[in-house]
């Protein structure tokens, strides 16, 4: 076995997403997109912090990969502009790990920023990302 083969084998062992094999833990909760948007408006954005915490916590519990709820909440509070990119990327990674085409990726975060300058950009981002996450949970058996 050459050094290149060893490196490739180790990369797959260290990154479960690369091989499509990761722990399948408990399923996440399906959250209505309209309800989440309404709650974010009513709470002046505080619910969005809750959403980041809960969705990242569920993705970490399910896959064993990703930020997890606490780190996601900290990042959302301190440098919130990065969260749309990270969240869409992690949702896309769930699909790729199951060998399915990913409807969202880190690039989907561009709807949030600089999409905010067309005003509806963040809504488009949230609808796409939350919808993809809900679809993933449904495909895994959540109701």
Protein backbone atom coordinates (compact mmCIF):
# COMPACT_ATOMS: atom_id res chain seq x y z
CA UNK A 1 0.00 0.00 0.00
CA UNK A 2 1.42 3.35 -0.97
CA UNK A 3 1.38 6.48 1.13
CA UNK A 4 -1.36 7.88 -1.12
CA UNK A 5 -3.64 4.89 -0.50
CA UNK A 6 -3.01 5.10 3.23
CA UNK A 7 -3.84 8.80 3.22
CA UNK A 8 -7.05 8.23 1.28
CA UNK A 9 -8.10 5.42 3.60
CA UNK A 10 -7.39 7.54 6.67
CA UNK A 11 -9.31 10.50 5.23
CA UNK A 12 -12.41 8.33 4.82
CA UNK A 13 -12.03 6.96 8.34
CA UNK A 14 -11.68 10.44 9.81
CA UNK A 15 -14.52 12.02 7.81
CA UNK A 16 -17.68 9.89 7.90
CA UNK A 17 -19.37 12.32 5.48
CA UNK A 18 -16.78 11.42 2.83
CA UNK A 19 -17.73 7.74 2.90
CA UNK A 20 -21.47 8.15 3.37
CA UNK A 21 -21.29 6.18 6.61
CA UNK A 22 -22.10 7.92 9.84
CA UNK A 23 -24.03 7.18 12.98
CA UNK A 24 -27.78 7.47 12.55
CA UNK A 25 -29.14 8.79 15.80
CA UNK A 26 -32.49 10.19 16.72
CA UNK A 27 -34.47 12.10 14.16
CA UNK A 28 -35.05 15.83 14.30
CA UNK A 29 -38.33 17.67 14.50
CA UNK A 30 -40.16 18.99 11.46
CA UNK A 31 -40.72 22.72 11.91
CA UNK A 32 -43.27 24.59 9.85
CA UNK A 33 -41.50 27.25 7.82
CA UNK A 34 -44.31 29.80 8.13
CA UNK A 35 -44.57 29.28 11.89
CA UNK A 36 -40.80 29.75 12.29
CA UNK A 37 -40.87 32.97 10.26
CA UNK A 38 -43.83 34.26 12.29
CA UNK A 39 -42.15 33.40 15.59
CA UNK A 40 -38.95 35.14 14.47
CA UNK A 41 -40.91 38.30 13.64
CA UNK A 42 -42.96 38.25 16.86
CA UNK A 43 -39.89 37.69 19.06
CA UNK A 44 -37.83 40.27 17.14
CA UNK A 45 -35.37 37.64 15.97
CA UNK A 46 -34.86 35.78 19.24
CA UNK A 47 -36.59 32.67 17.89
CA UNK A 48 -33.97 32.48 15.13
CA UNK A 49 -31.35 31.83 17.84
CA UNK A 50 -33.57 29.06 19.24
CA UNK A 51 -33.97 27.63 15.72
CA UNK A 52 -30.21 27.57 15.15
CA UNK A 53 -29.65 25.86 18.50
CA UNK A 54 -32.34 23.23 18.03
CA UNK A 55 -31.63 22.37 14.40
CA UNK A 56 -27.87 22.09 14.89
CA UNK A 57 -28.36 20.06 18.05
CA UNK A 58 -30.67 17.66 16.20
CA UNK A 59 -28.31 17.34 13.23
CA UNK A 60 -25.38 16.57 15.56
CA UNK A 61 -27.39 13.99 17.52
CA UNK A 62 -28.53 12.37 14.29
CA UNK A 63 -25.25 12.26 12.39
CA UNK A 64 -22.59 12.62 15.05
CA UNK A 65 -21.12 15.42 12.91
CA UNK A 66 -21.40 19.18 12.81
CA UNK A 67 -21.36 22.08 15.23
CA UNK A 68 -24.00 21.02 17.69
CA UNK A 69 -26.46 23.32 19.38
CA UNK A 70 -24.20 25.13 21.84
CA UNK A 71 -21.55 26.15 19.33
CA UNK A 72 -24.22 27.11 16.78
CA UNK A 73 -25.94 29.32 19.35
CA UNK A 74 -22.65 30.96 20.30
CA UNK A 75 -21.77 31.64 16.66
CA UNK A 76 -25.28 32.89 15.89
CA UNK A 77 -25.07 35.31 18.79
CA UNK A 78 -21.51 36.54 18.14
CA UNK A 79 -21.08 36.32 14.36
CA UNK A 80 -24.56 35.55 13.08
CA UNK A 81 -23.67 36.34 9.47
CA UNK A 82 -21.83 33.01 9.15
CA UNK A 83 -24.74 30.84 10.28
CA UNK A 84 -26.74 30.73 7.04
CA UNK A 85 -23.66 29.36 5.25
CA UNK A 86 -22.87 26.82 7.97
CA UNK A 87 -26.47 25.69 8.44
CA UNK A 88 -27.12 25.15 4.73
CA UNK A 89 -23.80 23.33 4.44
CA UNK A 90 -24.64 20.96 7.31
CA UNK A 91 -28.13 20.25 5.94
CA UNK A 92 -26.57 19.47 2.55
CA UNK A 93 -24.04 17.18 4.22
CA UNK A 94 -26.88 15.11 5.71
CA UNK A 95 -28.17 14.43 2.20
CA UNK A 96 -24.73 13.69 0.75
CA UNK A 97 -23.94 11.26 3.57
CA UNK A 98 -27.01 9.26 2.59
CA UNK A 99 -25.99 9.30 -1.07
CA UNK A 100 -28.79 11.67 -2.05
CA UNK A 101 -28.46 14.85 -4.11
CA UNK A 102 -28.26 17.87 -1.85
CA UNK A 103 -30.89 20.58 -2.38
CA UNK A 104 -28.83 23.12 -0.39
CA UNK A 105 -25.15 23.82 0.24
CA UNK A 106 -22.99 26.48 1.82
CA UNK A 107 -23.56 28.58 -1.31
CA UNK A 108 -27.25 28.74 -0.43
CA UNK A 109 -26.18 31.15 2.31
CA UNK A 110 -25.62 33.75 -0.40
CA UNK A 111 -29.40 34.24 -0.39
CA UNK A 112 -28.97 35.58 3.13
CA UNK A 113 -25.99 37.80 2.50
CA UNK A 114 -25.63 39.60 0.12
CA UNK A 115 -29.26 38.62 -0.58
CA UNK A 116 -30.37 40.88 2.25
CA UNK A 117 -29.91 43.82 -0.13
CA UNK A 118 -32.87 42.62 -2.19
CA UNK A 119 -34.83 42.33 1.08
CA UNK A 120 -36.41 38.95 0.37
CA UNK A 121 -33.06 37.14 0.23
CA UNK A 122 -33.10 35.95 3.85
CA UNK A 123 -36.65 34.63 3.40
CA UNK A 124 -35.61 32.68 0.32
CA UNK A 125 -32.64 31.26 2.27
CA UNK A 126 -34.81 30.21 5.19
CA UNK A 127 -37.53 28.67 3.03
CA UNK A 128 -34.95 26.67 1.06
CA UNK A 129 -32.90 25.55 4.07
CA UNK A 130 -35.74 24.78 6.48
CA UNK A 131 -37.65 23.06 3.67
CA UNK A 132 -34.63 20.89 2.83
CA UNK A 133 -34.14 19.98 6.49
CA UNK A 134 -37.83 19.12 6.89
CA UNK A 135 -37.70 16.98 3.73
CA UNK A 136 -34.63 15.17 5.05
CA UNK A 137 -36.31 14.38 8.37
CA UNK A 138 -39.41 13.13 6.52
CA UNK A 139 -37.24 10.90 4.28
CA UNK A 140 -35.80 9.35 7.42
CA UNK A 141 -39.22 8.63 8.90
CA UNK A 142 -40.02 11.69 11.01
CA UNK A 143 -43.60 12.89 11.03
